[in-house]
Amino acid sequence: MYDEKAGLHKQFRNIAAMVQQQLNTIVDQRAQNQHDEDSDESLNVKELINDFATDEFVQKNVRVRPTSSYSMAGKDQSEMGGRGASAAQNDEDDDQRKFNTEALYDLQQQRHEQKDRKKKEEQDQLAELVKAEKKKRSKQ
């Protein structure tokens, strides 16, 4: 659809021409229907975006907002009361609990390793002191 050699300005000119043609068609249709008493003077929005009013479009596209236009956005979990929300929350809680358990295990392992190193260093220092004391006594 986009021709790289033709600049963006040409593409926008083409789009503007198509839009202008569509608007002229709608205005002409309105002028023909002017003799009816019920016709409005303004353009009907549904006529401008008729692509979105087809059943095919509605069926193929995922509906983001309910048709009633009522949204649960901004409500906290306790007010929603849906099963999906609690299942997602349980999964999050399980993941968090698993992470915390693994982190605690790692910390305990590091603590034990550190204690073992410290104990070995103290034993080595004590052994060196005992050796030094023996050498000192043997020299006397």
C-alpha atoms as a PDB file:
ATOM      1  CA  MET A   1       0.000   0.000   0.000  1.00  0.00           C
ATOM      2  CA  TYR A   2       2.775   2.453   0.875  1.00  0.00           C
ATOM      3  CA  ASP A   3       5.042   3.286  -2.004  1.00  0.00           C
ATOM      4  CA  GLU A   4       8.484   4.191  -0.688  1.00  0.00           C
ATOM      5  CA  LYS A   5       9.330   6.334  -3.712  1.00  0.00           C
ATOM      6  CA  ALA A   6       6.199   8.425  -3.259  1.00  0.00           C
ATOM      7  CA  GLY A   7       6.530  10.542  -0.172  1.00  0.00           C
ATOM      8  CA  LEU A   8       4.273  10.585   2.803  1.00  0.00           C
ATOM      9  CA  HIS A   9       2.735  13.808   1.603  1.00  0.00           C
ATOM     10  CA  LYS A  10       1.427  12.038  -1.516  1.00  0.00           C
ATOM     11  CA  GLN A  11      -0.043   9.271   0.601  1.00  0.00           C
ATOM     12  CA  PHE A  12      -1.779  11.774   2.852  1.00  0.00           C
ATOM     13  CA  ARG A  13      -3.047  13.657  -0.194  1.00  0.00           C
ATOM     14  CA  ASN A  14      -4.582  10.411  -1.480  1.00  0.00           C
ATOM     15  CA  ILE A  15      -6.157   9.707   1.892  1.00  0.00           C
ATOM     16  CA  ALA A  16      -7.509  13.256   2.114  1.00  0.00           C
ATOM     17  CA  ALA A  17      -8.971  12.931  -1.402  1.00  0.00           C
ATOM     18  CA  MET A  18     -10.722   9.668  -0.484  1.00  0.00           C
ATOM     19  CA  VAL A  19     -12.115  11.187   2.713  1.00  0.00           C
ATOM     20  CA  GLN A  20     -13.279  14.277   0.831  1.00  0.00           C
ATOM     21  CA  GLN A  21     -14.984  12.095  -1.771  1.00  0.00           C
ATOM     22  CA  GLN A  22     -16.757  10.068   0.929  1.00  0.00           C
ATOM     23  CA  LEU A  23     -17.892  13.228   2.723  1.00  0.00           C
ATOM     24  CA  ASN A  24     -19.169  14.704  -0.552  1.00  0.00           C
ATOM     25  CA  THR A  25     -21.135  11.509  -1.178  1.00  0.00           C
ATOM     26  CA  ILE A  26     -22.707  11.725   2.273  1.00  0.00           C
ATOM     27  CA  VAL A  27     -23.548  15.409   1.847  1.00  0.00           C
ATOM     28  CA  ASP A  28     -25.131  14.663  -1.546  1.00  0.00           C
ATOM     29  CA  GLN A  29     -27.233  11.894  -0.006  1.00  0.00           C
ATOM     30  CA  ARG A  30     -28.322  14.295   2.718  1.00  0.00           C
ATOM     31  CA  ALA A  31     -29.275  16.893   0.132  1.00  0.00           C
ATOM     32  CA  GLN A  32     -31.454  14.327  -1.669  1.00  0.00           C
ATOM     33  CA  ASN A  33     -33.153  13.372   1.595  1.00  0.00           C
ATOM     34  CA  GLN A  34     -33.619  17.021   2.618  1.00  0.00           C
ATOM     35  CA  HIS A  35     -37.294  17.006   1.750  1.00  0.00           C
ATOM     36  CA  ASP A  36     -37.943  14.591   4.656  1.00  0.00           C
ATOM     37  CA  GLU A  37     -38.957  16.341   7.874  1.00  0.00           C
ATOM     38  CA  ASP A  38     -37.039  13.897  10.117  1.00  0.00           C
ATOM     39  CA  SER A  39     -33.600  14.441   8.595  1.00  0.00           C
ATOM     40  CA  ASP A  40     -30.988  16.213  10.706  1.00  0.00           C
ATOM     41  CA  GLU A  41     -28.850  19.080   9.437  1.00  0.00           C
ATOM     42  CA  SER A  42     -25.669  17.600  10.889  1.00  0.00           C
ATOM     43  CA  LEU A  43     -23.793  14.580   9.645  1.00  0.00           C
ATOM     44  CA  ASN A  44     -24.632  11.317  11.366  1.00  0.00           C
ATOM     45  CA  VAL A  45     -21.549   9.782  12.974  1.00  0.00           C
ATOM     46  CA  LYS A  46     -22.736   6.276  12.121  1.00  0.00           C
ATOM     47  CA  GLU A  47     -22.597   7.178   8.434  1.00  0.00           C
ATOM     48  CA  LEU A  48     -18.960   8.274   8.777  1.00  0.00           C
ATOM     49  CA  ILE A  49     -17.756   5.121  10.510  1.00  0.00           C
ATOM     50  CA  ASN A  50     -19.992   2.503   8.979  1.00  0.00           C
ATOM     51  CA  ASP A  51     -17.090   0.015   8.759  1.00  0.00           C
ATOM     52  CA  PHE A  52     -17.313  -0.522  12.492  1.00  0.00           C
ATOM     53  CA  ALA A  53     -21.055  -1.121  12.529  1.00  0.00           C
ATOM     54  CA  THR A  54     -20.983  -4.382  10.576  1.00  0.00           C
ATOM     55  CA  ASP A  55     -21.589  -7.724  12.261  1.00  0.00           C
ATOM     56  CA  GLU A  56     -18.440  -9.088  10.640  1.00  0.00           C
ATOM     57  CA  PHE A  57     -16.328  -6.439  12.368  1.00  0.00           C
ATOM     58  CA  VAL A  58     -17.996  -7.021  15.730  1.00  0.00           C
ATOM     59  CA  GLN A  59     -17.581 -10.809  15.505  1.00  0.00           C
ATOM     60  CA  LYS A  60     -13.951 -10.778  14.334  1.00  0.00           C
ATOM     61  CA  ASN A  61     -12.607  -8.223  16.776  1.00  0.00           C
ATOM     62  CA  VAL A  62     -12.147  -8.711  20.468  1.00  0.00           C
ATOM     63  CA  ARG A  63     -14.473  -6.556  22.505  1.00  0.00           C
ATOM     64  CA  VAL A  64     -12.371  -4.559  24.958  1.00  0.00           C
ATOM     65  CA  ARG A  65     -15.144  -2.676  26.691  1.00  0.00           C
ATOM     66  CA  PRO A  66     -18.542  -4.208  27.473  1.00  0.00           C
ATOM     67  CA  THR A  67     -21.367  -3.158  25.174  1.00  0.00           C
ATOM     68  CA  SER A  68     -23.092  -1.629  28.172  1.00  0.00           C
ATOM     69  CA  SER A  69     -20.094   0.731  28.491  1.00  0.00           C
ATOM     70  CA  TYR A  70     -19.863  -0.207  32.158  1.00  0.00           C
ATOM     71  CA  SER A  71     -16.326  -1.007  33.182  1.00  0.00           C
ATOM     72  CA  MET A  72     -14.926  -2.487  36.368  1.00  0.00           C
ATOM     73  CA  ALA A  73     -11.696  -0.501  35.987  1.00  0.00           C
ATOM     74  CA  GLY A  74     -10.524   1.058  39.208  1.00  0.00           C
ATOM     75  CA  LYS A  75     -12.292  -1.388  41.514  1.00  0.00           C
ATOM     76  CA  ASP A  76     -10.161  -3.353  43.912  1.00  0.00           C
ATOM     77  CA  GLN A  77     -10.190  -7.143  44.079  1.00  0.00           C
ATOM     78  CA  SER A  78     -12.648  -7.411  46.979  1.00  0.00           C
ATOM     79  CA  GLU A  79     -15.358  -5.442  45.177  1.00  0.00           C
ATOM     80  CA  MET A  80     -15.077  -7.437  41.961  1.00  0.00           C
ATOM     81  CA  GLY A  81     -15.824 -10.841  43.444  1.00  0.00           C
ATOM     82  CA  GLY A  82     -14.993 -12.668  40.218  1.00  0.00           C
ATOM     83  CA  ARG A  83     -13.485 -16.119  40.099  1.00  0.00           C
ATOM     84  CA  GLY A  84     -10.815 -15.121  37.602  1.00  0.00           C
ATOM     85  CA  ALA A  85      -9.496 -12.360  39.819  1.00  0.00           C
ATOM     86  CA  SER A  86      -9.105 -14.637  42.832  1.00  0.00           C
ATOM     87  CA  ALA A  87      -7.395 -17.348  40.768  1.00  0.00           C
ATOM     88  CA  ALA A  88      -4.896 -14.827  39.440  1.00  0.00           C
ATOM     89  CA  GLN A  89      -4.316 -13.529  42.956  1.00  0.00           C
ATOM     90  CA  ASN A  90      -3.760 -17.088  44.225  1.00  0.00           C
ATOM     91  CA  ASP A  91      -1.204 -17.704  41.478  1.00  0.00           C
ATOM     92  CA  GLU A  92       0.596 -14.491  42.430  1.00  0.00           C
ATOM     93  CA  ASP A  93       0.536 -15.477  46.113  1.00  0.00           C
ATOM     94  CA  ASP A  94       1.888 -18.942  45.294  1.00  0.00           C
ATOM     95  CA  ASP A  95       4.676 -17.479  43.164  1.00  0.00           C
ATOM     96  CA  GLN A  96       5.555 -14.975  45.894  1.00  0.00           C
ATOM     97  CA  ARG A  97       5.506 -17.693  48.566  1.00  0.00           C
ATOM     98  CA  LYS A  98       7.751 -19.947  46.448  1.00  0.00           C
ATOM     99  CA  PHE A  99      10.194 -17.093  45.839  1.00  0.00           C
ATOM    100  CA  ASN A 100      10.299 -16.243  49.552  1.00  0.00           C
ATOM    101  CA  THR A 101      10.856 -19.895  50.505  1.00  0.00           C
ATOM    102  CA  GLU A 102      13.722 -20.245  48.033  1.00  0.00           C
ATOM    103  CA  ALA A 103      15.278 -16.968  49.177  1.00  0.00           C
ATOM    104  CA  LEU A 104      15.053 -18.068  52.823  1.00  0.00           C
ATOM    105  CA  TYR A 105      16.686 -21.417  51.977  1.00  0.00           C
ATOM    106  CA  ASP A 106      19.526 -19.648  50.126  1.00  0.00           C
ATOM    107  CA  LEU A 107      20.079 -17.273  53.049  1.00  0.00           C
ATOM    108  CA  GLN A 108      20.181 -20.168  55.521  1.00  0.00           C
ATOM    109  CA  GLN A 109      22.702 -22.028  53.344  1.00  0.00           C
ATOM    110  CA  GLN A 110      24.916 -18.940  53.133  1.00  0.00           C
ATOM    111  CA  ARG A 111      24.667 -18.471  56.906  1.00  0.00           C
ATOM    112  CA  HIS A 112      25.712 -22.059  57.584  1.00  0.00           C
ATOM    113  CA  GLU A 113      28.618 -21.804  55.136  1.00  0.00           C
ATOM    114  CA  GLN A 114      29.779 -18.564  56.765  1.00  0.00           C
ATOM    115  CA  LYS A 115      29.569 -20.103  60.238  1.00  0.00           C
ATOM    116  CA  ASP A 116      31.561 -23.143  59.076  1.00  0.00           C
ATOM    117  CA  ARG A 117      34.258 -20.883  57.540  1.00  0.00           C
ATOM    118  CA  LYS A 118      34.488 -18.826  60.703  1.00  0.00           C
ATOM    119  CA  LYS A 119      34.728 -21.918  62.874  1.00  0.00           C
ATOM    120  CA  LYS A 120      37.491 -23.365  60.660  1.00  0.00           C
ATOM    121  CA  GLU A 121      39.423 -20.053  60.770  1.00  0.00           C
ATOM    122  CA  GLU A 122      39.176 -19.996  64.560  1.00  0.00           C
ATOM    123  CA  GLN A 123      40.398 -23.582  64.758  1.00  0.00           C
ATOM    124  CA  ASP A 124      43.304 -22.780  62.415  1.00  0.00           C
ATOM    125  CA  GLN A 125      44.248 -19.741  64.516  1.00  0.00           C
ATOM    126  CA  LEU A 126      44.047 -21.830  67.693  1.00  0.00           C
ATOM    127  CA  ALA A 127      46.229 -24.534  66.117  1.00  0.00           C
ATOM    128  CA  GLU A 128      48.805 -21.886  65.112  1.00  0.00           C
ATOM    129  CA  LEU A 129      48.810 -20.472  68.632  1.00  0.00           C
ATOM    130  CA  VAL A 130      49.333 -23.934  70.091  1.00  0.00           C
ATOM    131  CA  LYS A 131      52.196 -24.567  67.651  1.00  0.00           C
ATOM    132  CA  ALA A 132      53.779 -21.227  68.453  1.00  0.00           C
ATOM    133  CA  GLU A 133      53.440 -21.961  72.183  1.00  0.00           C
ATOM    134  CA  LYS A 134      55.086 -25.382  71.753  1.00  0.00           C
ATOM    135  CA  LYS A 135      57.972 -23.880  69.774  1.00  0.00           C
ATOM    136  CA  LYS A 136      58.399 -21.243  72.419  1.00  0.00           C
ATOM    137  CA  ARG A 137      58.568 -23.855  75.202  1.00  0.00           C
ATOM    138  CA  SER A 138      60.894 -26.094  73.263  1.00  0.00           C
ATOM    139  CA  LYS A 139      63.354 -23.194  72.793  1.00  0.00           C
ATOM    140  CA  GLN A 140      63.495 -22.475  76.479  1.00  0.00           C
END
